[in-house]
Amino acid sequence: MATALANGVSECSELVRDHLIGHKPMALGSNTYAAKALDWGIYERAILGMVKKGMPEGVRAALDS
């Protein structure tokens, strides 16, 4: 996710990553306000963006075989 974020996938933020893996953010604003604004579309774009711009080509090739 960090690699995808560095490559321009803004949905791969720390907040989205933490929610995808089940961690609760420490910041009150992230837990209270930002989390309510996250819908499935954001998670979907983060996951697909991570696969496209954050996953090494060798890993992607191994998964395709």
C-alpha atoms as a PDB file:
ATOM      1  CA  MET A   1       0.000   0.000   0.000  1.00  0.00           C
ATOM      2  CA  ALA A   2       2.805   2.437   0.819  1.00  0.00           C
ATOM      3  CA  THR A   3       4.385   1.818  -2.589  1.00  0.00           C
ATOM      4  CA  ALA A   4       1.071   2.395  -4.339  1.00  0.00           C
ATOM      5  CA  LEU A   5       0.555   5.597  -2.337  1.00  0.00           C
ATOM      6  CA  ALA A   6       4.017   6.784  -3.385  1.00  0.00           C
ATOM      7  CA  ASN A   7       3.082   5.963  -6.994  1.00  0.00           C
ATOM      8  CA  GLY A   8       0.000   8.167  -6.884  1.00  0.00           C
ATOM      9  CA  VAL A   9      -2.842   5.995  -5.555  1.00  0.00           C
ATOM     10  CA  SER A  10      -4.252   8.443  -3.009  1.00  0.00           C
ATOM     11  CA  GLU A  11      -6.781   5.896  -1.701  1.00  0.00           C
ATOM     12  CA  CYS A  12      -3.899   3.830  -0.282  1.00  0.00           C
ATOM     13  CA  SER A  13      -3.682   6.094   2.739  1.00  0.00           C
ATOM     14  CA  GLU A  14      -2.757   4.915   6.213  1.00  0.00           C
ATOM     15  CA  LEU A  15      -6.375   5.347   7.331  1.00  0.00           C
ATOM     16  CA  VAL A  16      -7.754   3.138   4.546  1.00  0.00           C
ATOM     17  CA  ARG A  17      -5.009   0.550   5.045  1.00  0.00           C
ATOM     18  CA  ASP A  18      -5.699   0.391   8.775  1.00  0.00           C
ATOM     19  CA  HIS A  19      -9.414  -0.123   8.197  1.00  0.00           C
ATOM     20  CA  LEU A  20      -8.793  -2.842   5.605  1.00  0.00           C
ATOM     21  CA  ILE A  21      -6.628  -4.858   7.993  1.00  0.00           C
ATOM     22  CA  GLY A  22      -8.860  -4.241  11.001  1.00  0.00           C
ATOM     23  CA  HIS A  23      -6.805  -1.729  12.971  1.00  0.00           C
ATOM     24  CA  LYS A  24      -8.459   1.204  14.666  1.00  0.00           C
ATOM     25  CA  PRO A  25      -6.659   4.509  14.073  1.00  0.00           C
ATOM     26  CA  MET A  26      -5.348   6.218  17.187  1.00  0.00           C
ATOM     27  CA  ALA A  27      -6.497   9.706  16.165  1.00  0.00           C
ATOM     28  CA  LEU A  28      -9.965  10.651  17.395  1.00  0.00           C
ATOM     29  CA  GLY A  29     -10.811  12.443  14.138  1.00  0.00           C
ATOM     30  CA  SER A  30      -9.891   9.383  12.096  1.00  0.00           C
ATOM     31  CA  ASN A  31     -12.079   7.111  14.210  1.00  0.00           C
ATOM     32  CA  THR A  32     -15.006   9.466  14.592  1.00  0.00           C
ATOM     33  CA  TYR A  33     -15.339  11.478  11.410  1.00  0.00           C
ATOM     34  CA  ALA A  34     -13.144  10.177   8.590  1.00  0.00           C
ATOM     35  CA  ALA A  35     -14.068   6.517   9.059  1.00  0.00           C
ATOM     36  CA  LYS A  36     -17.737   7.303   8.500  1.00  0.00           C
ATOM     37  CA  ALA A  37     -16.900   8.754   5.074  1.00  0.00           C
ATOM     38  CA  LEU A  38     -15.201   5.582   3.855  1.00  0.00           C
ATOM     39  CA  ASP A  39     -17.391   3.585   1.518  1.00  0.00           C
ATOM     40  CA  TRP A  40     -16.682   0.417  -0.418  1.00  0.00           C
ATOM     41  CA  GLY A  41     -15.600   2.398  -3.497  1.00  0.00           C
ATOM     42  CA  ILE A  42     -12.617   3.826  -1.625  1.00  0.00           C
ATOM     43  CA  TYR A  43     -11.572   0.380  -0.417  1.00  0.00           C
ATOM     44  CA  GLU A  44     -11.991  -1.044  -3.919  1.00  0.00           C
ATOM     45  CA  ARG A  45      -9.851   1.701  -5.496  1.00  0.00           C
ATOM     46  CA  ALA A  46      -7.206   1.201  -2.805  1.00  0.00           C
ATOM     47  CA  ILE A  47      -7.033  -2.560  -3.359  1.00  0.00           C
ATOM     48  CA  LEU A  48      -6.971  -2.313  -7.153  1.00  0.00           C
ATOM     49  CA  GLY A  49      -4.480   0.547  -7.004  1.00  0.00           C
ATOM     50  CA  MET A  50      -2.222  -1.471  -4.711  1.00  0.00           C
ATOM     51  CA  VAL A  51      -2.282  -4.381  -7.151  1.00  0.00           C
ATOM     52  CA  LYS A  52      -1.595  -2.121 -10.137  1.00  0.00           C
ATOM     53  CA  LYS A  53       0.969   0.301  -8.678  1.00  0.00           C
ATOM     54  CA  GLY A  54       2.200  -1.245  -5.450  1.00  0.00           C
ATOM     55  CA  MET A  55       2.747  -4.927  -6.092  1.00  0.00           C
ATOM     56  CA  PRO A  56       6.090  -6.060  -7.501  1.00  0.00           C
ATOM     57  CA  GLU A  57       5.818  -7.512 -10.996  1.00  0.00           C
ATOM     58  CA  GLY A  58       7.272 -10.845  -9.856  1.00  0.00           C
ATOM     59  CA  VAL A  59       4.558 -11.281  -7.241  1.00  0.00           C
ATOM     60  CA  ARG A  60       1.851 -10.354  -9.738  1.00  0.00           C
ATOM     61  CA  ALA A  61       3.265 -12.859 -12.252  1.00  0.00           C
ATOM     62  CA  ALA A  62       3.345 -15.614  -9.611  1.00  0.00           C
ATOM     63  CA  LEU A  63      -0.288 -14.953  -8.716  1.00  0.00           C
ATOM     64  CA  ASP A  64      -1.315 -15.122 -12.368  1.00  0.00           C
ATOM     65  CA  SER A  65       0.226 -18.562 -12.870  1.00  0.00           C
END
